[in-house]
Amino acid sequence: MLLLLKPRWKSSLVQTMGVHRKRHLLFSLYSTMLSTGSLPDLQELCRVVSHGTGSLDDMEASLNQFKVPFTSPLVSEVIDSCRNDAPTRRLLRFFLWSRKSLDFDVEDEDFNCAIRVFAEKKDFTALDILISDLGKECRAMETSTFSVVAKTLVKLGREEEALGIFKNLEKLKCPQDNVTVTAIVSALCEKGHAKKAEGVVWHHKDKISGVERCIYRSLLYGWSVQENVKAARRIIKEMKSAGVMPDHLCYTTLLRCICKRNLKANPSGLVPEAFNVMMEMRTYGILPTSIDYNILLSCLVRTRRVKESLRILDTMRKAGCSSDWVSYYLVARVLYLTGRFGKGKQIVDKMIEEGLVPERKFFYDLIGVLCGVERVKYALELFELMKKSSLGNYGPVYDLLIPKLCRGGDFAKGRELWNEATSLGVTLQCSVDVLDPTITEVFKPVRKVEEKCSIGDCSTPKTRARTTKTRGKQYHCKKKKQHKKRKKKAA
């Protein structure tokens, strides 16, 4: 959720690729306008490729009827315009057809654009065909294209193919430099293939100059995905020995790795080991933030450790770390799930007093939890707080509370909420029939009555034997006590 940080190395890589794509699209659009001079022709081409009827052969027959002079930028523009609407097979057929129909071949830049589109659509077959043609025709693959292709192949579970392309980049006229090494390492580590990524780094040590921090962050994240604390610690030590001091992002990744491992293997070690990491952070002048504490809190909530969760809030306050609404959300959630509704309400009120304005997610989830544990009264109080915060978009809450109240027998309150939603102009998804007592079935809680069963009432011989054995033990213990008392009196 909100606790999983998006690493900075990912955002910077995506941002660089986004800038390149925008420049390419602007150039492509400008070239297309110059070459075609007719926007309706472009729209008709996109319609045939995206929404045309019939088979792929029928589409090709329709394309043969066009008298528009096809150019490389026009092909690139059509593919980019249809990337979200057209099926990948129609896009691939159009691209292959256009290569045969052009008076001159598709330019390398437009060829790379097509490969990036098919990579983003995760079509391995199209990628395999186009990259093979790219190599056979001695074209040049751009570094941005390789980054997208490597990421897609690893996501599809074809990391070996991604590594194979990386090893043969020279044949594709793409340099094996710090950009391509960073791209393949980050793609592998994103899915937890840290060992293979370390192999790439080992064989290309001379090509990672200037991007060491980014490489180490990727490796640390890769081992964190595998929850391998020992390997993550080793990466931190290697960073220090290489003169690259771990930053806040590195320690946050390490903290997440340790907490995830302890959540499964050693829940009692969550707080001590997390505090050890935070102490190490402080020794290097890095102060833990609410993000770090929230990682710990999320694991404590999943193990239902209420007292420790409350102590973390106090620790944050004493350490001078301001709690955000996510911190209060996690603590209130565990309190509601464990039946401490009054304390949970106090936590929410305290958050409001501190001036924190939560997102809708805060109220949506907690109201859902309260309805799930049959505490509609507290859910209504929380809904009133949500309306006071003027967050808007109350429809999902009304759709949850109105049927819940009516099925619980409180049709008057359900009707009141319905009228309130209608007056606010909220469009409700639930049916008006839920307000009709003759249609909506009311579920009343049934109290279980435990009855004492005798030996004769036990259903199976095995149960009777167990009951007899237990009573026999009780009888012998009683006899032993009486015997000891007699000995003491005789003495």
Protein backbone atom coordinates (compact mmCIF):
# COMPACT_ATOMS: atom_id res chain seq x y z
CA MET A 1 0.00 0.00 0.00
CA LEU A 2 1.32 3.41 1.08
CA LEU A 3 4.10 1.81 3.06
CA LEU A 4 5.95 0.37 0.10
CA LEU A 5 8.21 3.09 -1.19
CA LYS A 6 8.81 3.55 -4.88
CA PRO A 7 12.60 3.65 -5.17
CA ARG A 8 14.08 6.84 -6.55
CA TRP A 9 16.18 4.99 -9.10
CA LYS A 10 12.95 3.72 -10.68
CA SER A 11 11.31 7.15 -10.82
CA SER A 12 14.41 8.79 -12.32
CA LEU A 13 14.68 6.09 -15.01
CA VAL A 14 10.98 6.40 -15.87
CA GLN A 15 11.24 10.19 -15.93
CA THR A 16 14.20 10.07 -18.37
CA MET A 17 12.35 7.69 -20.65
CA GLY A 18 9.21 9.86 -20.44
CA VAL A 19 11.11 12.95 -21.58
CA HIS A 20 12.58 10.99 -24.50
CA ARG A 21 9.13 9.70 -25.47
CA LYS A 22 7.61 13.20 -25.41
CA ARG A 23 10.35 14.57 -27.65
CA HIS A 24 9.92 11.65 -30.02
CA LEU A 25 6.13 12.08 -30.20
CA LEU A 26 6.41 15.80 -30.87
CA PHE A 27 8.88 15.16 -33.69
CA SER A 28 6.75 12.32 -35.05
CA LEU A 29 3.56 14.40 -35.03
CA TYR A 30 5.31 17.32 -36.73
CA SER A 31 6.79 15.05 -39.41
CA THR A 32 3.43 13.38 -40.01
CA MET A 33 1.65 16.68 -40.48
CA LEU A 34 4.28 17.72 -43.01
CA SER A 35 4.16 14.42 -44.89
CA THR A 36 0.41 13.78 -44.98
CA GLY A 37 -1.08 17.21 -44.62
CA SER A 38 -4.46 15.57 -43.93
CA LEU A 39 -5.68 14.75 -40.42
CA PRO A 40 -8.82 12.87 -41.66
CA ASP A 41 -6.59 10.37 -43.47
CA LEU A 42 -4.71 9.69 -40.25
CA GLN A 43 -7.97 9.22 -38.35
CA GLU A 44 -9.29 6.83 -41.00
CA LEU A 45 -6.08 4.80 -40.81
CA CYS A 46 -6.39 4.58 -37.02
CA ARG A 47 -10.03 3.52 -37.35
CA VAL A 48 -9.16 0.68 -39.73
CA VAL A 49 -6.32 -0.56 -37.52
CA SER A 50 -8.13 -0.22 -34.19
CA HIS A 51 -11.81 -0.85 -34.89
CA GLY A 52 -11.86 -2.48 -38.31
CA THR A 53 -13.99 -5.59 -38.78
CA GLY A 54 -12.90 -8.88 -40.24
CA SER A 55 -9.66 -10.81 -40.13
CA LEU A 56 -6.11 -9.54 -40.40
CA ASP A 57 -6.19 -10.22 -44.14
CA ASP A 58 -9.33 -8.06 -44.42
CA MET A 59 -7.52 -5.27 -42.58
CA GLU A 60 -4.60 -5.54 -44.98
CA ALA A 61 -6.99 -5.41 -47.94
CA SER A 62 -8.54 -2.22 -46.52
CA LEU A 63 -5.11 -0.69 -46.07
CA ASN A 64 -4.21 -1.46 -49.71
CA GLN A 65 -7.07 0.80 -50.82
CA PHE A 66 -5.53 3.89 -49.19
CA LYS A 67 -3.90 6.31 -51.60
CA VAL A 68 -2.10 8.23 -48.88
CA PRO A 69 1.69 8.30 -49.37
CA PHE A 70 2.99 6.23 -46.45
CA THR A 71 6.12 7.51 -44.74
CA SER A 72 8.09 6.29 -41.74
CA PRO A 73 6.83 9.05 -39.38
CA LEU A 74 3.22 8.34 -40.43
CA VAL A 75 3.59 4.66 -39.52
CA SER A 76 5.05 5.60 -36.16
CA GLU A 77 2.21 8.04 -35.51
CA VAL A 78 -0.49 5.49 -36.36
CA ILE A 79 1.04 2.90 -34.03
CA ASP A 80 1.37 5.41 -31.22
CA SER A 81 -2.22 6.64 -31.69
CA CYS A 82 -3.64 3.10 -31.71
CA ARG A 83 -1.50 1.70 -28.88
CA ASN A 84 -4.34 1.77 -26.33
CA ASP A 85 -7.25 0.72 -28.57
CA ALA A 86 -5.96 -1.74 -31.15
CA PRO A 87 -5.18 -5.40 -30.39
CA THR A 88 -1.47 -6.13 -30.58
CA ARG A 89 -1.90 -8.55 -33.47
CA ARG A 90 -3.54 -5.87 -35.62
CA LEU A 91 -0.78 -3.41 -34.71
CA LEU A 92 1.90 -5.95 -35.61
CA ARG A 93 0.23 -6.81 -38.91
CA PHE A 94 -0.05 -3.10 -39.76
CA PHE A 95 3.63 -2.53 -39.01
CA LEU A 96 4.76 -5.52 -41.08
CA TRP A 97 2.45 -4.47 -43.94
CA SER A 98 3.71 -0.89 -43.85
CA ARG A 99 7.31 -2.05 -44.17
CA LYS A 100 6.39 -3.75 -47.45
CA SER A 101 4.29 -0.83 -48.70
CA LEU A 102 6.71 2.01 -48.06
CA ASP A 103 8.74 3.38 -50.94
CA PHE A 104 11.70 3.39 -48.52
CA ASP A 105 12.34 1.45 -45.32
CA VAL A 106 11.24 2.44 -41.82
CA GLU A 107 13.79 4.60 -40.04
CA ASP A 108 15.62 3.24 -37.00
CA GLU A 109 13.96 5.76 -34.71
CA ASP A 110 10.45 4.73 -35.79
CA PHE A 111 11.43 1.05 -35.62
CA ASN A 112 12.52 1.58 -32.01
CA CYS A 113 9.26 3.36 -31.27
CA ALA A 114 7.31 0.32 -32.49
CA ILE A 115 9.40 -2.01 -30.31
CA ARG A 116 8.72 0.17 -27.24
CA VAL A 117 4.97 0.09 -27.92
CA PHE A 118 4.91 -3.71 -28.15
CA ALA A 119 7.08 -3.96 -25.04
CA GLU A 120 4.68 -1.82 -23.06
CA LYS A 121 1.81 -4.02 -24.29
CA LYS A 122 3.79 -7.08 -23.09
CA ASP A 123 3.57 -8.93 -26.41
CA PHE A 124 6.53 -11.30 -26.38
CA THR A 125 5.86 -12.72 -29.85
CA ALA A 126 5.86 -9.26 -31.45
CA LEU A 127 9.00 -8.34 -29.54
CA ASP A 128 10.76 -11.50 -30.67
CA ILE A 129 9.89 -10.82 -34.34
CA LEU A 130 10.89 -7.15 -34.33
CA ILE A 131 14.12 -7.57 -32.35
CA SER A 132 15.13 -10.43 -34.65
CA ASP A 133 14.46 -8.22 -37.70
CA LEU A 134 16.36 -5.38 -36.03
CA GLY A 135 19.44 -7.57 -35.75
CA LYS A 136 19.17 -9.08 -39.23
CA GLU A 137 18.87 -5.66 -40.87
CA CYS A 138 21.82 -4.27 -38.88
CA ARG A 139 19.73 -1.55 -37.26
CA ALA A 140 20.62 0.26 -34.04
CA MET A 141 18.68 -0.29 -30.83
CA GLU A 142 18.34 2.78 -28.61
CA THR A 143 19.24 2.56 -24.93
CA SER A 144 15.74 3.68 -23.93
CA THR A 145 14.29 0.87 -26.05
CA PHE A 146 16.52 -1.69 -24.35
CA SER A 147 15.44 -0.42 -20.91
CA VAL A 148 11.75 -0.92 -21.71
CA VAL A 149 12.35 -4.31 -23.35
CA ALA A 150 14.46 -5.61 -20.44
CA LYS A 151 11.86 -4.54 -17.88
CA THR A 152 9.02 -6.15 -19.86
CA LEU A 153 10.84 -9.45 -20.42
CA VAL A 154 11.70 -9.80 -16.73
CA LYS A 155 8.09 -9.07 -15.78
CA LEU A 156 6.98 -11.79 -18.18
CA GLY A 157 9.32 -14.25 -16.43
CA ARG A 158 11.80 -14.29 -19.33
CA GLU A 159 14.85 -12.93 -17.54
CA GLU A 160 17.13 -15.25 -19.51
CA GLU A 161 15.96 -13.65 -22.78
CA ALA A 162 16.60 -10.21 -21.28
CA LEU A 163 20.13 -11.23 -20.32
CA GLY A 164 20.64 -12.70 -23.79
CA ILE A 165 19.74 -9.40 -25.43
CA PHE A 166 22.05 -7.57 -23.04
CA LYS A 167 24.98 -9.85 -23.92
CA ASN A 168 24.38 -9.24 -27.65
CA LEU A 169 23.87 -5.48 -27.48
CA GLU A 170 26.97 -4.88 -29.60
CA LYS A 171 25.36 -6.81 -32.46
CA LEU A 172 22.36 -4.50 -32.12
CA LYS A 173 24.66 -1.46 -32.24
CA CYS A 174 23.72 -0.51 -28.67
CA PRO A 175 26.59 0.19 -26.25
CA GLN A 176 27.07 -1.74 -23.02
CA ASP A 177 27.55 1.36 -20.90
CA ASN A 178 26.43 2.49 -17.44
CA VAL A 179 22.90 3.21 -18.73
CA THR A 180 22.26 -0.26 -20.15
CA VAL A 181 23.95 -1.98 -17.19
CA THR A 182 21.76 0.02 -14.80
CA ALA A 183 18.67 -0.86 -16.85
CA ILE A 184 19.23 -4.63 -16.80
CA VAL A 185 20.24 -4.65 -13.11
CA SER A 186 17.20 -2.64 -12.04
CA ALA A 187 14.88 -4.81 -14.17
CA LEU A 188 16.24 -8.02 -12.62
CA CYS A 189 16.20 -6.72 -9.07
CA GLU A 190 12.67 -5.44 -9.36
CA LYS A 191 11.49 -9.04 -9.55
CA GLY A 192 13.96 -10.41 -7.01
CA HIS A 193 16.64 -11.79 -9.36
CA ALA A 194 19.41 -10.22 -7.29
CA LYS A 195 21.90 -13.06 -7.79
CA LYS A 196 21.78 -12.73 -11.58
CA ALA A 197 22.01 -8.96 -11.25
CA GLU A 198 25.14 -9.32 -9.12
CA GLY A 199 26.63 -11.49 -11.87
CA VAL A 200 26.05 -8.69 -14.38
CA VAL A 201 27.68 -6.16 -12.04
CA TRP A 202 30.65 -8.46 -11.43
CA HIS A 203 31.39 -8.84 -15.15
CA HIS A 204 30.93 -5.13 -15.91
CA LYS A 205 32.61 -3.43 -12.97
CA ASP A 206 34.42 -1.06 -15.28
CA LYS A 207 31.14 0.22 -16.76
CA ILE A 208 29.30 1.32 -13.63
CA SER A 209 31.39 4.37 -12.87
CA GLY A 210 29.15 7.20 -11.71
CA VAL A 211 26.11 5.01 -11.08
CA GLU A 212 27.43 2.95 -8.14
CA ARG A 213 24.78 4.25 -5.73
CA CYS A 214 21.97 3.39 -8.12
CA ILE A 215 23.42 -0.11 -8.67
CA TYR A 216 23.73 -0.77 -4.94
CA ARG A 217 20.19 0.44 -4.33
CA SER A 218 18.91 -1.95 -6.97
CA LEU A 219 20.81 -4.92 -5.50
CA LEU A 220 19.60 -4.06 -2.01
CA TYR A 221 16.02 -3.91 -3.26
CA GLY A 222 16.44 -7.24 -5.07
CA TRP A 223 17.57 -9.04 -1.92
CA SER A 224 14.78 -7.32 0.01
CA VAL A 225 12.22 -8.83 -2.37
CA GLN A 226 13.62 -12.25 -1.47
CA GLU A 227 13.63 -11.28 2.26
CA ASN A 228 17.31 -12.27 2.44
CA VAL A 229 18.53 -10.18 5.38
CA LYS A 230 22.05 -11.63 5.33
CA ALA A 231 22.61 -10.66 1.68
CA ALA A 232 21.05 -7.22 2.25
CA ARG A 233 23.45 -6.60 5.14
CA ARG A 234 26.33 -7.68 2.91
CA ILE A 235 25.34 -5.11 0.28
CA ILE A 236 25.31 -2.38 2.95
CA LYS A 237 28.84 -3.38 4.01
CA GLU A 238 30.05 -3.44 0.41
CA MET A 239 28.66 0.06 -0.08
CA LYS A 240 30.59 1.35 2.91
CA SER A 241 33.81 -0.36 1.82
CA ALA A 242 33.42 1.12 -1.69
CA GLY A 243 33.10 4.60 -0.24
CA VAL A 244 29.38 4.89 -1.06
CA MET A 245 27.58 5.75 2.17
CA PRO A 246 24.06 4.27 2.46
CA ASP A 247 21.36 6.92 2.35
CA HIS A 248 17.89 7.00 3.86
CA LEU A 249 16.39 5.00 0.98
CA CYS A 250 18.91 2.17 1.50
CA TYR A 251 18.16 1.89 5.21
CA THR A 252 14.41 2.01 4.55
CA THR A 253 14.81 -0.91 2.13
CA LEU A 254 16.87 -2.83 4.70
CA LEU A 255 14.27 -2.11 7.40
CA ARG A 256 11.48 -3.41 5.18
CA CYS A 257 13.47 -6.56 4.46
CA ILE A 258 14.06 -7.25 8.17
CA CYS A 259 10.44 -6.57 9.13
CA LYS A 260 9.06 -8.81 6.38
CA ARG A 261 11.37 -11.64 7.40
CA ASN A 262 10.51 -11.31 11.12
CA LEU A 263 6.81 -11.10 10.34
CA LYS A 264 6.98 -14.71 9.15
CA ALA A 265 9.81 -16.15 11.22
CA ASN A 266 10.14 -14.16 14.45
CA PRO A 267 7.30 -11.71 15.26
CA SER A 268 8.71 -11.04 18.74
CA GLY A 269 11.89 -9.68 17.13
CA LEU A 270 10.10 -7.05 15.06
CA VAL A 271 10.57 -4.10 17.41
CA PRO A 272 14.12 -4.85 18.70
CA GLU A 273 15.66 -5.45 15.26
CA ALA A 274 13.84 -2.49 13.71
CA PHE A 275 15.12 -0.22 16.48
CA ASN A 276 18.66 -1.52 15.87
CA VAL A 277 18.41 -0.41 12.24
CA MET A 278 17.07 2.99 13.31
CA MET A 279 19.92 3.35 15.80
CA GLU A 280 22.41 2.60 13.02
CA MET A 281 20.72 5.23 10.87
CA ARG A 282 21.15 7.85 13.60
CA THR A 283 24.87 7.07 13.91
CA TYR A 284 25.25 8.12 10.26
CA GLY A 285 23.17 11.26 10.76
CA ILE A 286 20.02 9.86 9.13
CA LEU A 287 16.89 10.48 11.20
CA PRO A 288 14.07 7.91 10.86
CA THR A 289 10.86 9.34 9.43
CA SER A 290 7.21 8.36 9.72
CA ILE A 291 7.71 6.12 6.67
CA ASP A 292 10.18 3.95 8.61
CA TYR A 293 7.93 3.71 11.65
CA ASN A 294 4.93 2.92 9.44
CA ILE A 295 6.77 -0.05 7.94
CA LEU A 296 7.20 -1.43 11.46
CA LEU A 297 3.62 -0.54 12.43
CA SER A 298 2.17 -2.33 9.41
CA CYS A 299 3.90 -5.56 10.46
CA LEU A 300 2.80 -5.17 14.08
CA VAL A 301 -0.79 -4.68 12.92
CA ARG A 302 -0.68 -7.86 10.88
CA THR A 303 0.44 -9.80 13.96
CA ARG A 304 -2.22 -8.02 16.14
CA ARG A 305 0.39 -6.64 18.58
CA VAL A 306 -1.70 -3.86 20.11
CA LYS A 307 0.48 -2.74 23.03
CA GLU A 308 3.62 -2.52 20.90
CA SER A 309 1.74 -0.54 18.24
CA LEU A 310 0.61 2.00 20.85
CA ARG A 311 4.16 2.23 22.19
CA ILE A 312 5.47 3.01 18.71
CA LEU A 313 3.20 6.07 18.53
CA ASP A 314 4.60 7.29 21.87
CA THR A 315 8.16 6.54 20.71
CA MET A 316 7.64 8.61 17.57
CA ARG A 317 6.43 11.54 19.66
CA LYS A 318 9.38 11.32 22.06
CA ALA A 319 11.87 11.00 19.18
CA GLY A 320 10.52 14.17 17.58
CA CYS A 321 9.12 12.33 14.56
CA SER A 322 5.72 13.62 13.54
CA SER A 323 3.13 10.91 12.99
CA ASP A 324 1.17 11.10 9.76
CA TRP A 325 -2.38 9.90 9.14
CA VAL A 326 -1.09 6.48 8.00
CA SER A 327 0.41 5.91 11.47
CA TYR A 328 -2.92 6.64 13.16
CA TYR A 329 -4.77 4.59 10.57
CA LEU A 330 -2.65 1.50 11.30
CA VAL A 331 -3.05 1.80 15.08
CA ALA A 332 -6.80 2.48 14.88
CA ARG A 333 -7.22 -0.49 12.56
CA VAL A 334 -5.55 -2.96 14.92
CA LEU A 335 -7.58 -1.58 17.83
CA TYR A 336 -10.86 -2.07 15.95
CA LEU A 337 -9.89 -5.55 14.78
CA THR A 338 -9.10 -6.62 18.35
CA GLY A 339 -12.36 -5.23 19.80
CA ARG A 340 -10.94 -2.10 21.47
CA PHE A 341 -13.47 0.27 19.92
CA GLY A 342 -13.33 3.00 22.56
CA LYS A 343 -9.55 3.22 22.37
CA GLY A 344 -9.71 3.22 18.59
CA LYS A 345 -12.12 6.17 18.68
CA GLN A 346 -9.71 8.04 20.97
CA ILE A 347 -6.86 7.51 18.51
CA VAL A 348 -8.97 8.90 15.64
CA ASP A 349 -10.04 11.91 17.75
CA LYS A 350 -6.43 12.54 18.69
CA MET A 351 -5.42 12.57 15.03
CA ILE A 352 -8.14 15.12 14.25
CA GLU A 353 -7.03 17.28 17.21
CA GLU A 354 -3.50 17.38 15.84
CA GLY A 355 -4.83 18.88 12.64
CA LEU A 356 -4.07 15.93 10.38
CA VAL A 357 -6.44 15.60 7.42
CA PRO A 358 -6.48 11.99 6.22
CA GLU A 359 -7.33 10.78 2.75
CA ARG A 360 -10.60 9.03 1.89
CA LYS A 361 -8.79 5.70 2.17
CA PHE A 362 -8.57 6.24 5.94
CA PHE A 363 -12.34 6.46 6.40
CA TYR A 364 -13.26 3.92 3.72
CA ASP A 365 -11.15 1.18 5.25
CA LEU A 366 -11.96 1.82 8.93
CA ILE A 367 -15.70 2.10 8.28
CA GLY A 368 -15.47 -1.18 6.37
CA VAL A 369 -13.66 -2.82 9.30
CA LEU A 370 -16.28 -1.60 11.80
CA CYS A 371 -19.13 -2.87 9.63
CA GLY A 372 -17.34 -6.18 9.27
CA VAL A 373 -17.14 -6.65 13.06
CA GLU A 374 -20.78 -5.54 13.46
CA ARG A 375 -20.13 -2.16 15.09
CA VAL A 376 -22.29 0.06 12.90
CA LYS A 377 -22.67 2.66 15.67
CA TYR A 378 -18.94 3.44 15.62
CA ALA A 379 -18.98 3.35 11.81
CA LEU A 380 -21.68 6.06 11.78
CA GLU A 381 -19.63 8.23 14.16
CA LEU A 382 -16.60 7.85 11.90
CA PHE A 383 -18.74 8.76 8.90
CA GLU A 384 -19.76 11.99 10.64
CA LEU A 385 -16.07 12.85 11.07
CA MET A 386 -15.52 12.17 7.38
CA LYS A 387 -18.30 14.57 6.43
CA LYS A 388 -16.88 17.24 8.73
CA SER A 389 -13.55 16.90 6.91
CA SER A 390 -15.37 17.75 3.62
CA LEU A 391 -13.49 15.06 1.69
CA GLY A 392 -16.40 14.34 -0.65
CA ASN A 393 -17.13 11.17 -2.63
CA TYR A 394 -19.39 9.70 0.07
CA GLY A 395 -21.22 7.34 -2.30
CA PRO A 396 -19.31 4.13 -1.40
CA VAL A 397 -19.92 4.76 2.33
CA TYR A 398 -23.66 5.27 1.84
CA ASP A 399 -23.77 2.11 -0.28
CA LEU A 400 -22.15 0.20 2.57
CA LEU A 401 -24.03 1.65 5.55
CA ILE A 402 -27.60 1.74 4.21
CA PRO A 403 -27.90 -2.02 3.44
CA LYS A 404 -25.99 -2.83 6.64
CA LEU A 405 -28.44 -0.84 8.79
CA CYS A 406 -31.50 -2.26 7.03
CA ARG A 407 -30.33 -5.85 7.33
CA GLY A 408 -29.72 -5.16 11.00
CA GLY A 409 -33.32 -4.01 11.43
CA ASP A 410 -32.69 -0.25 11.67
CA PHE A 411 -34.78 0.80 8.66
CA ALA A 412 -35.40 4.29 10.08
CA LYS A 413 -31.69 5.14 10.12
CA GLY A 414 -31.26 3.55 6.71
CA ARG A 415 -34.06 5.73 5.30
CA GLU A 416 -32.49 8.79 6.95
CA LEU A 417 -29.14 8.12 5.26
CA TRP A 418 -30.89 7.49 1.93
CA ASN A 419 -32.68 10.86 2.10
CA GLU A 420 -29.43 12.56 3.15
CA ALA A 421 -27.56 11.08 0.19
CA THR A 422 -30.34 12.10 -2.21
CA SER A 423 -30.33 15.68 -0.92
CA LEU A 424 -26.56 15.87 -1.45
CA GLY A 425 -26.92 14.63 -5.01
CA VAL A 426 -24.99 11.40 -4.35
CA THR A 427 -25.65 8.63 -6.86
CA LEU A 428 -26.25 5.42 -4.92
CA GLN A 429 -25.48 1.95 -6.28
CA CYS A 430 -27.65 0.07 -3.78
CA SER A 431 -31.30 -0.58 -4.62
CA VAL A 432 -34.18 1.28 -2.98
CA ASP A 433 -35.65 -2.15 -2.16
CA VAL A 434 -33.30 -2.47 0.81
CA LEU A 435 -35.49 0.11 2.60
CA ASP A 436 -38.55 -2.15 2.33
CA PRO A 437 -38.95 -4.43 5.41
CA THR A 438 -41.05 -6.85 3.37
CA ILE A 439 -38.22 -7.40 0.91
CA THR A 440 -35.04 -7.06 2.98
CA GLU A 441 -34.37 -9.99 5.27
CA VAL A 442 -33.32 -8.97 8.77
CA PHE A 443 -30.50 -11.02 10.24
CA LYS A 444 -30.64 -11.30 14.01
CA PRO A 445 -27.68 -12.61 15.99
CA VAL A 446 -28.26 -16.03 17.51
CA ARG A 447 -26.79 -16.66 20.95
CA LYS A 448 -25.08 -20.00 21.34
CA VAL A 449 -26.12 -21.93 24.46
CA GLU A 450 -23.53 -24.35 25.76
CA GLU A 451 -24.97 -27.48 27.28
CA LYS A 452 -23.22 -29.83 29.63
CA CYS A 453 -22.99 -33.26 28.15
CA SER A 454 -22.77 -36.48 30.10
CA ILE A 455 -20.72 -39.48 29.13
CA GLY A 456 -23.76 -41.10 27.62
CA ASP A 457 -24.52 -38.04 25.50
CA CYS A 458 -21.10 -38.09 23.79
CA SER A 459 -21.55 -38.74 20.11
CA THR A 460 -18.60 -41.06 19.43
CA PRO A 461 -16.83 -43.82 21.35
CA LYS A 462 -13.57 -41.88 21.04
CA THR A 463 -15.09 -38.85 22.76
CA ARG A 464 -16.53 -41.04 25.53
CA ALA A 465 -13.10 -42.57 26.10
CA ARG A 466 -11.46 -39.15 26.41
CA THR A 467 -14.12 -37.93 28.84
CA THR A 468 -13.79 -41.07 30.97
CA LYS A 469 -9.98 -40.73 30.99
CA THR A 470 -10.15 -37.11 32.13
CA ARG A 471 -12.58 -37.88 34.92
CA GLY A 472 -10.43 -40.82 35.98
CA LYS A 473 -7.39 -38.56 36.31
CA GLN A 474 -9.39 -36.09 38.40
CA TYR A 475 -10.52 -38.92 40.70
CA HIS A 476 -6.95 -40.20 41.22
CA CYS A 477 -5.63 -36.68 41.97
CA LYS A 478 -8.35 -36.25 44.57
CA LYS A 479 -7.44 -39.58 46.19
CA LYS A 480 -3.74 -38.61 46.35
CA LYS A 481 -4.54 -35.33 48.10
CA GLN A 482 -6.68 -37.11 50.67
CA HIS A 483 -3.89 -39.63 51.31
CA LYS A 484 -1.34 -36.83 51.89
CA LYS A 485 -3.67 -35.14 54.39
CA ARG A 486 -4.04 -38.38 56.35
CA LYS A 487 -0.25 -38.79 56.55
CA LYS A 488 0.15 -35.25 57.91
CA LYS A 489 -2.50 -35.85 60.59
CA ALA A 490 -0.91 -39.15 61.55
CA ALA A 491 2.50 -37.44 61.89
